[in-house]
Every structure is written in structure tokens, then in C-alpha cells.
Amino acid sequence: MVRSLLVIGAIMAVIALMFPQVQPETPDVDAVATAQQIEGSTGWSLVVPRDLPEGWVATRAQYRRSTDGLMTWHAGFQTPSGDYAALQQTLDATDAWVTTQVNRSPEVGELEVAGRSWTQYDRTGKVQRSLVDRGGPGEMTTVVTGTASWEEMERFAASLGPVPAP
């Protein structure tokens, strides 16, 4: 019986060596170029992260329709710690849109970051932290959300600035 287990273990080791695990590559995403295209077609004034420290990697950038029908600028990033942070923006955001973006997280406070007032939302059962800069009628609402630490979320929010000209 021991001999059989050794033979099976050896076969499994050979198979594991023949098929090494491939690390998934992070896609090459240009969030700034995508934002420039969206601004050009919508006339919106978007923001993008600028001058983030090394280790932040854009993983997604798109213009998509939300579940309640609002067109939304979305850019996702992997943080240096391996967590996720995303930027979402829309014009004339509804309460339902904000609630969906923060995943029904409860409001936990207010925060000033880089001269902007943000409302904090924190969902503890399923980790999701969010910062919301709510615009009024005819204005953009900006949401920064993800699994990143509050420190990374604040750094991300502080980096947001106007989309550079193409």
C-alpha cells in the first residue's frame, strides 16, 4: 500500500512539473486614453488618477450602462497591496445609482481629501469601502470604491484630476 502511494505521488509530481501554473497577466489598460474618448463623445468633464505611486495597475476602463440606465465611466485598478480600487462617474446620479455603486453600504462619515468633500461608506461583512463626491443637478458624481484599505482609497481619491488633453 505504501508503495502504491509513492508511485501515485511520483506520477502526480511528474504531471505537476509538466504543466507549471501560469500566472495570469494583468491586461494592458490605458484609462487615460479611454477617458479622453469618452469626454470627446459625451462632453463630460471626467477625472482620472494622476501620478499614482508605483504599483498601481489599471485593469479595466470602460463606458457602460448601469443597471438603472445611467451611462457610467468606470476605471478599475489593482493596488500595490493587491486589492482593488475603482473609479465610477456619471452625470445626474440618482440615489439608486449611488446605492448600487457602494453596494448598499451604510454611510459612516465625511472626509476631506485634496480639497473635495467625500461621504464615506463601509460594508464590513463583505469588505467594500467607498468614497462618494455627490454632484448636484447637471453635475458629475464621483465614486471611489473597492476592497483597498482606507489609506489606499484616500490616496486614490487624492490623485484624481482632469483628463489631460490628447
Protein backbone atom coordinates (compact mmCIF):
# COMPACT_ATOMS: atom_id res chain seq x y z
CA MET A 1 0.00 0.00 0.00
CA VAL A 2 2.83 2.41 0.84
CA ARG A 3 4.49 1.56 -2.45
CA SER A 4 1.26 2.36 -4.34
CA LEU A 5 1.01 5.73 -2.62
CA LEU A 6 4.63 6.51 -3.53
CA VAL A 7 4.01 5.59 -7.18
CA ILE A 8 0.87 7.74 -7.32
CA GLY A 9 2.73 10.62 -5.63
CA ALA A 10 5.59 10.34 -8.14
CA ILE A 11 3.17 10.36 -11.08
CA MET A 12 1.42 13.44 -9.69
CA ALA A 13 4.77 15.20 -9.20
CA VAL A 14 5.76 14.48 -12.82
CA ILE A 15 2.42 15.80 -14.08
CA ALA A 16 2.77 18.93 -11.93
CA LEU A 17 6.23 19.57 -13.37
CA MET A 18 4.99 19.07 -16.93
CA PHE A 19 2.21 21.64 -16.51
CA PRO A 20 3.50 24.54 -14.44
CA GLN A 21 0.96 27.03 -13.19
CA VAL A 22 0.79 30.08 -15.37
CA GLN A 23 0.41 33.38 -13.57
CA PRO A 24 -2.38 35.40 -15.17
CA GLU A 25 -1.14 38.55 -16.82
CA THR A 26 -2.67 41.86 -15.91
CA PRO A 27 -4.18 43.33 -19.07
CA ASP A 28 -2.57 46.45 -20.51
CA VAL A 29 -5.25 49.11 -19.97
CA ASP A 30 -4.93 52.81 -20.79
CA ALA A 31 -7.52 54.51 -18.58
CA VAL A 32 -6.48 58.00 -19.71
CA ALA A 33 -6.98 57.22 -23.42
CA THR A 34 -10.38 55.66 -22.69
CA ALA A 35 -11.42 58.71 -20.64
CA GLN A 36 -10.28 61.02 -23.46
CA GLN A 37 -12.50 59.13 -25.91
CA ILE A 38 -15.48 59.30 -23.55
CA GLU A 39 -15.01 63.03 -22.95
CA GLY A 40 -14.82 63.61 -26.69
CA SER A 41 -18.07 61.78 -27.36
CA THR A 42 -20.09 62.96 -24.33
CA GLY A 43 -18.76 66.41 -23.47
CA TRP A 44 -18.48 65.30 -19.83
CA SER A 45 -15.67 66.56 -17.60
CA LEU A 46 -14.18 63.33 -16.28
CA VAL A 47 -11.39 62.68 -13.82
CA VAL A 48 -8.63 60.08 -13.90
CA PRO A 49 -5.98 59.05 -11.38
CA ARG A 50 -2.79 61.01 -11.99
CA ASP A 51 0.67 60.47 -10.54
CA LEU A 52 -0.20 57.35 -8.57
CA PRO A 53 2.82 55.78 -6.88
CA GLU A 54 4.44 52.71 -8.40
CA GLY A 55 2.44 49.52 -8.02
CA TRP A 56 -0.98 50.80 -9.11
CA VAL A 57 -2.07 48.97 -12.28
CA ALA A 58 -5.10 49.82 -14.43
CA THR A 59 -7.10 46.64 -15.05
CA ARG A 60 -10.27 47.98 -16.68
CA ALA A 61 -11.52 51.15 -18.34
CA GLN A 62 -14.93 51.38 -19.95
CA TYR A 63 -18.05 53.40 -20.58
CA ARG A 64 -21.06 51.29 -19.68
CA ARG A 65 -24.75 51.48 -18.86
CA SER A 66 -25.58 50.89 -15.19
CA THR A 67 -28.45 48.68 -14.08
CA ASP A 68 -30.66 51.75 -13.69
CA GLY A 69 -29.83 53.04 -17.17
CA LEU A 70 -27.22 55.72 -16.43
CA MET A 71 -24.12 55.77 -18.61
CA THR A 72 -21.09 55.41 -16.35
CA TRP A 73 -17.34 55.97 -16.73
CA HIS A 74 -15.58 53.11 -14.91
CA ALA A 75 -11.87 52.54 -14.32
CA GLY A 76 -10.56 49.71 -12.14
CA PHE A 77 -7.10 49.42 -10.60
CA GLN A 78 -5.10 46.84 -8.71
CA THR A 79 -3.44 48.49 -5.72
CA PRO A 80 0.16 47.91 -4.59
CA SER A 81 -1.20 45.64 -1.82
CA GLY A 82 -3.10 43.54 -4.39
CA ASP A 83 -6.53 44.88 -3.50
CA TYR A 84 -8.96 46.61 -5.86
CA ALA A 85 -9.99 50.24 -6.26
CA ALA A 86 -12.38 51.59 -8.86
CA LEU A 87 -13.49 54.98 -10.09
CA GLN A 88 -17.08 55.47 -11.28
CA GLN A 89 -18.58 58.69 -12.62
CA THR A 90 -21.92 59.65 -14.07
CA LEU A 91 -23.92 62.78 -14.80
CA ASP A 92 -27.07 63.49 -12.74
CA ALA A 93 -26.61 60.48 -10.46
CA THR A 94 -29.72 59.12 -8.80
CA ASP A 95 -29.89 57.87 -5.21
CA ALA A 96 -30.37 54.36 -6.64
CA TRP A 97 -27.18 54.68 -8.73
CA VAL A 98 -25.12 55.72 -5.67
CA THR A 99 -26.64 52.93 -3.56
CA THR A 100 -25.71 50.38 -6.22
CA GLN A 101 -22.14 51.68 -6.60
CA VAL A 102 -21.49 51.45 -2.85
CA ASN A 103 -23.15 48.01 -2.73
CA ARG A 104 -25.77 49.17 -0.22
CA SER A 105 -23.04 50.01 2.31
CA PRO A 106 -24.05 52.23 5.23
CA GLU A 107 -22.79 55.80 5.40
CA VAL A 108 -20.14 56.12 8.13
CA GLY A 109 -18.87 59.68 7.91
CA GLU A 110 -17.44 62.58 5.95
CA LEU A 111 -13.87 63.05 4.77
CA GLU A 112 -11.92 65.89 3.16
CA VAL A 113 -9.42 64.69 0.55
CA ALA A 114 -7.45 67.05 -1.68
CA GLY A 115 -9.96 69.86 -1.20
CA ARG A 116 -13.01 67.72 -2.01
CA SER A 117 -15.67 66.59 0.45
CA TRP A 118 -16.37 62.87 0.32
CA THR A 119 -19.03 60.80 2.06
CA GLN A 120 -17.64 57.51 3.41
CA TYR A 121 -19.48 54.21 3.13
CA ASP A 122 -18.23 50.97 4.71
CA ARG A 123 -19.60 47.47 4.28
CA THR A 124 -17.98 45.27 6.91
CA GLY A 125 -19.50 41.82 6.24
CA LYS A 126 -18.26 41.81 2.67
CA VAL A 127 -15.34 44.24 2.60
CA GLN A 128 -16.15 47.27 0.47
CA ARG A 129 -15.08 50.80 1.22
CA SER A 130 -16.44 53.72 -0.77
CA LEU A 131 -15.99 57.47 -1.05
CA VAL A 132 -18.68 59.49 -2.82
CA ASP A 133 -18.43 63.08 -4.06
CA ARG A 134 -22.06 63.76 -4.91
CA GLY A 135 -22.71 66.32 -7.62
CA GLY A 136 -25.92 68.28 -7.88
CA PRO A 137 -28.26 68.52 -10.88
CA GLY A 138 -26.26 68.77 -14.10
CA GLU A 139 -23.03 67.81 -12.31
CA MET A 140 -20.85 64.73 -12.18
CA THR A 141 -20.94 62.37 -9.20
CA THR A 142 -17.69 60.55 -8.47
CA VAL A 143 -17.43 57.27 -6.57
CA VAL A 144 -14.18 55.64 -5.45
CA THR A 145 -14.90 52.11 -4.24
CA GLY A 146 -13.24 48.77 -3.66
CA THR A 147 -11.55 46.39 -1.26
CA ALA A 148 -8.47 48.57 -0.74
CA SER A 149 -7.59 49.98 2.68
CA TRP A 150 -8.87 53.42 3.63
CA GLU A 151 -5.32 54.72 3.21
CA GLU A 152 -5.17 53.44 -0.39
CA MET A 153 -8.69 54.70 -1.12
CA GLU A 154 -7.74 58.18 0.12
CA ARG A 155 -4.52 58.14 -1.93
CA PHE A 156 -6.53 57.10 -5.00
CA ALA A 157 -9.14 59.84 -4.42
CA ALA A 158 -6.40 62.44 -3.88
CA SER A 159 -4.82 61.51 -7.22
CA LEU A 160 -7.96 62.27 -9.24
CA GLY A 161 -7.62 65.16 -11.65
CA PRO A 162 -8.91 66.35 -15.02
CA VAL A 163 -8.27 64.18 -18.04
CA PRO A 164 -5.21 65.54 -19.88
CA ALA A 165 -5.71 66.74 -23.45
CA PRO A 166 -4.96 64.08 -26.08
